[in-house]
Amino acid sequence: MLTGIKQQVIVGKQRKIEIQTSELAEGTVVEVIVLVEQDVFEEKTNPSIQQDETEYLLSTEANRYQLMTAIQNIETKTNLVSFTPEEWNKEYNICSRSV
């Protein structure tokens, strides 16, 4: 099963991001996704093309239905897919596949 670690950090010198946790052993392979606060991101991009993710997900009836259904599934623990890290790596780890 996958576990998430959420931390808010500040980009440091040389634009380096550091995450400190006692939950992970040295050498553990992890995947990192960086989410940037909207106002900081807008300073560097064109604000006219920015759209809040939730606003987008609620922008159409079909999207709204999918989002609300997904939230309900999580709250009721139904229709969920679970797998171990080993199962994930076997199925989706592109780096480990032979060419």
C-alpha atoms as a PDB file:
ATOM      1  CA  MET A   1       0.000   0.000   0.000  1.00  0.00           C
ATOM      2  CA  LEU A   2       1.234   3.521  -0.758  1.00  0.00           C
ATOM      3  CA  THR A   3       1.722   6.021   2.044  1.00  0.00           C
ATOM      4  CA  GLY A   4       1.746   9.774   1.621  1.00  0.00           C
ATOM      5  CA  ILE A   5       3.900  12.292   3.423  1.00  0.00           C
ATOM      6  CA  LYS A   6       2.788  15.892   3.204  1.00  0.00           C
ATOM      7  CA  GLN A   7       5.072  18.733   4.238  1.00  0.00           C
ATOM      8  CA  GLN A   8       5.164  22.408   3.487  1.00  0.00           C
ATOM      9  CA  VAL A   9       8.725  23.514   2.781  1.00  0.00           C
ATOM     10  CA  ILE A  10      10.482  26.593   1.463  1.00  0.00           C
ATOM     11  CA  VAL A  11      12.695  26.473  -1.602  1.00  0.00           C
ATOM     12  CA  GLY A  12      16.207  27.083  -0.317  1.00  0.00           C
ATOM     13  CA  LYS A  13      19.526  28.212  -1.702  1.00  0.00           C
ATOM     14  CA  GLN A  14      20.264  27.099  -5.247  1.00  0.00           C
ATOM     15  CA  ARG A  15      16.507  26.421  -5.580  1.00  0.00           C
ATOM     16  CA  LYS A  16      16.844  23.220  -3.558  1.00  0.00           C
ATOM     17  CA  ILE A  17      13.862  21.561  -1.867  1.00  0.00           C
ATOM     18  CA  GLU A  18      14.556  19.376   1.161  1.00  0.00           C
ATOM     19  CA  ILE A  19      12.110  17.007   2.815  1.00  0.00           C
ATOM     20  CA  GLN A  20      13.058  15.580   6.182  1.00  0.00           C
ATOM     21  CA  THR A  21      11.273  12.577   7.615  1.00  0.00           C
ATOM     22  CA  SER A  22      12.064   9.713   9.919  1.00  0.00           C
ATOM     23  CA  GLU A  23       9.444   7.609   8.124  1.00  0.00           C
ATOM     24  CA  LEU A  24      11.714   6.744   5.189  1.00  0.00           C
ATOM     25  CA  ALA A  25      14.887   4.697   5.280  1.00  0.00           C
ATOM     26  CA  GLU A  26      17.936   5.862   3.369  1.00  0.00           C
ATOM     27  CA  GLY A  27      17.861   4.536  -0.191  1.00  0.00           C
ATOM     28  CA  THR A  28      14.071   4.272  -0.356  1.00  0.00           C
ATOM     29  CA  VAL A  29      12.802   5.025  -3.859  1.00  0.00           C
ATOM     30  CA  VAL A  30      10.088   7.703  -3.794  1.00  0.00           C
ATOM     31  CA  GLU A  31       8.163   9.762  -6.315  1.00  0.00           C
ATOM     32  CA  VAL A  32       7.864  13.469  -5.556  1.00  0.00           C
ATOM     33  CA  ILE A  33       5.124  15.786  -6.778  1.00  0.00           C
ATOM     34  CA  VAL A  34       5.549  19.503  -6.120  1.00  0.00           C
ATOM     35  CA  LEU A  35       2.437  21.664  -5.760  1.00  0.00           C
ATOM     36  CA  VAL A  36       3.075  25.412  -5.802  1.00  0.00           C
ATOM     37  CA  GLU A  37       0.748  27.900  -4.117  1.00  0.00           C
ATOM     38  CA  GLN A  38      -1.272  29.680  -6.808  1.00  0.00           C
ATOM     39  CA  ASP A  39      -0.249  33.268  -6.000  1.00  0.00           C
ATOM     40  CA  VAL A  40       3.463  32.417  -6.144  1.00  0.00           C
ATOM     41  CA  PHE A  41       3.035  30.555  -9.418  1.00  0.00           C
ATOM     42  CA  GLU A  42       1.035  33.387 -11.014  1.00  0.00           C
ATOM     43  CA  GLU A  43       3.912  35.840 -10.538  1.00  0.00           C
ATOM     44  CA  LYS A  44       5.948  33.828 -13.052  1.00  0.00           C
ATOM     45  CA  THR A  45       3.185  32.913 -15.525  1.00  0.00           C
ATOM     46  CA  ASN A  46       0.279  34.516 -17.326  1.00  0.00           C
ATOM     47  CA  PRO A  47      -2.597  34.789 -14.794  1.00  0.00           C
ATOM     48  CA  SER A  48      -5.174  34.737 -17.595  1.00  0.00           C
ATOM     49  CA  ILE A  49      -4.438  31.058 -18.307  1.00  0.00           C
ATOM     50  CA  GLN A  50      -4.419  29.973 -14.671  1.00  0.00           C
ATOM     51  CA  GLN A  51      -7.382  28.017 -13.318  1.00  0.00           C
ATOM     52  CA  ASP A  52      -7.813  26.578  -9.870  1.00  0.00           C
ATOM     53  CA  GLU A  53      -7.853  22.767  -9.969  1.00  0.00           C
ATOM     54  CA  THR A  54     -11.080  22.536  -7.987  1.00  0.00           C
ATOM     55  CA  GLU A  55     -12.708  25.137 -10.246  1.00  0.00           C
ATOM     56  CA  TYR A  56     -11.716  23.045 -13.253  1.00  0.00           C
ATOM     57  CA  LEU A  57     -13.004  19.818 -11.709  1.00  0.00           C
ATOM     58  CA  LEU A  58     -16.338  21.491 -10.995  1.00  0.00           C
ATOM     59  CA  SER A  59     -16.546  23.263 -14.379  1.00  0.00           C
ATOM     60  CA  THR A  60     -18.796  20.694 -16.084  1.00  0.00           C
ATOM     61  CA  GLU A  61     -21.561  18.445 -14.858  1.00  0.00           C
ATOM     62  CA  ALA A  62     -19.603  15.328 -15.869  1.00  0.00           C
ATOM     63  CA  ASN A  63     -16.474  16.486 -14.012  1.00  0.00           C
ATOM     64  CA  ARG A  64     -18.520  17.494 -10.972  1.00  0.00           C
ATOM     65  CA  TYR A  65     -20.202  14.068 -10.912  1.00  0.00           C
ATOM     66  CA  GLN A  66     -16.850  12.246 -11.154  1.00  0.00           C
ATOM     67  CA  LEU A  67     -15.317  14.368  -8.378  1.00  0.00           C
ATOM     68  CA  MET A  68     -18.267  13.959  -6.020  1.00  0.00           C
ATOM     69  CA  THR A  69     -18.397  10.218  -6.719  1.00  0.00           C
ATOM     70  CA  ALA A  70     -14.674   9.883  -6.003  1.00  0.00           C
ATOM     71  CA  ILE A  71     -15.024  11.806  -2.730  1.00  0.00           C
ATOM     72  CA  GLN A  72     -17.962   9.625  -1.700  1.00  0.00           C
ATOM     73  CA  ASN A  73     -15.998   6.457  -2.548  1.00  0.00           C
ATOM     74  CA  ILE A  74     -13.126   7.594  -0.348  1.00  0.00           C
ATOM     75  CA  GLU A  75     -15.418   8.507   2.544  1.00  0.00           C
ATOM     76  CA  THR A  76     -17.281   5.182   2.353  1.00  0.00           C
ATOM     77  CA  LYS A  77     -14.177   3.143   1.463  1.00  0.00           C
ATOM     78  CA  THR A  78     -15.887   1.606  -1.578  1.00  0.00           C
ATOM     79  CA  ASN A  79     -14.658   1.063  -5.136  1.00  0.00           C
ATOM     80  CA  LEU A  80     -11.063   1.710  -4.094  1.00  0.00           C
ATOM     81  CA  VAL A  81      -8.026   0.131  -5.713  1.00  0.00           C
ATOM     82  CA  SER A  82      -5.140  -0.797  -3.442  1.00  0.00           C
ATOM     83  CA  PHE A  83      -1.783  -2.366  -4.114  1.00  0.00           C
ATOM     84  CA  THR A  84       1.575  -2.830  -2.499  1.00  0.00           C
ATOM     85  CA  PRO A  85       4.640  -0.847  -3.621  1.00  0.00           C
ATOM     86  CA  GLU A  86       5.984  -4.078  -5.092  1.00  0.00           C
ATOM     87  CA  GLU A  87       2.829  -4.583  -7.170  1.00  0.00           C
ATOM     88  CA  TRP A  88       3.009  -0.964  -8.367  1.00  0.00           C
ATOM     89  CA  ASN A  89       6.681  -1.284  -9.357  1.00  0.00           C
ATOM     90  CA  LYS A  90       6.064  -4.541 -11.192  1.00  0.00           C
ATOM     91  CA  GLU A  91       3.200  -3.030 -13.193  1.00  0.00           C
ATOM     92  CA  TYR A  92       4.206   0.614 -13.675  1.00  0.00           C
ATOM     93  CA  ASN A  93       7.904   1.144 -12.977  1.00  0.00           C
ATOM     94  CA  ILE A  94       9.103   2.021 -16.477  1.00  0.00           C
ATOM     95  CA  CYS A  95      12.765   2.198 -15.392  1.00  0.00           C
ATOM     96  CA  SER A  96      12.870  -1.452 -14.396  1.00  0.00           C
ATOM     97  CA  ARG A  97      11.334  -2.833 -17.590  1.00  0.00           C
ATOM     98  CA  SER A  98      13.526  -4.508 -20.161  1.00  0.00           C
ATOM     99  CA  VAL A  99      13.524  -3.027 -23.634  1.00  0.00           C
END
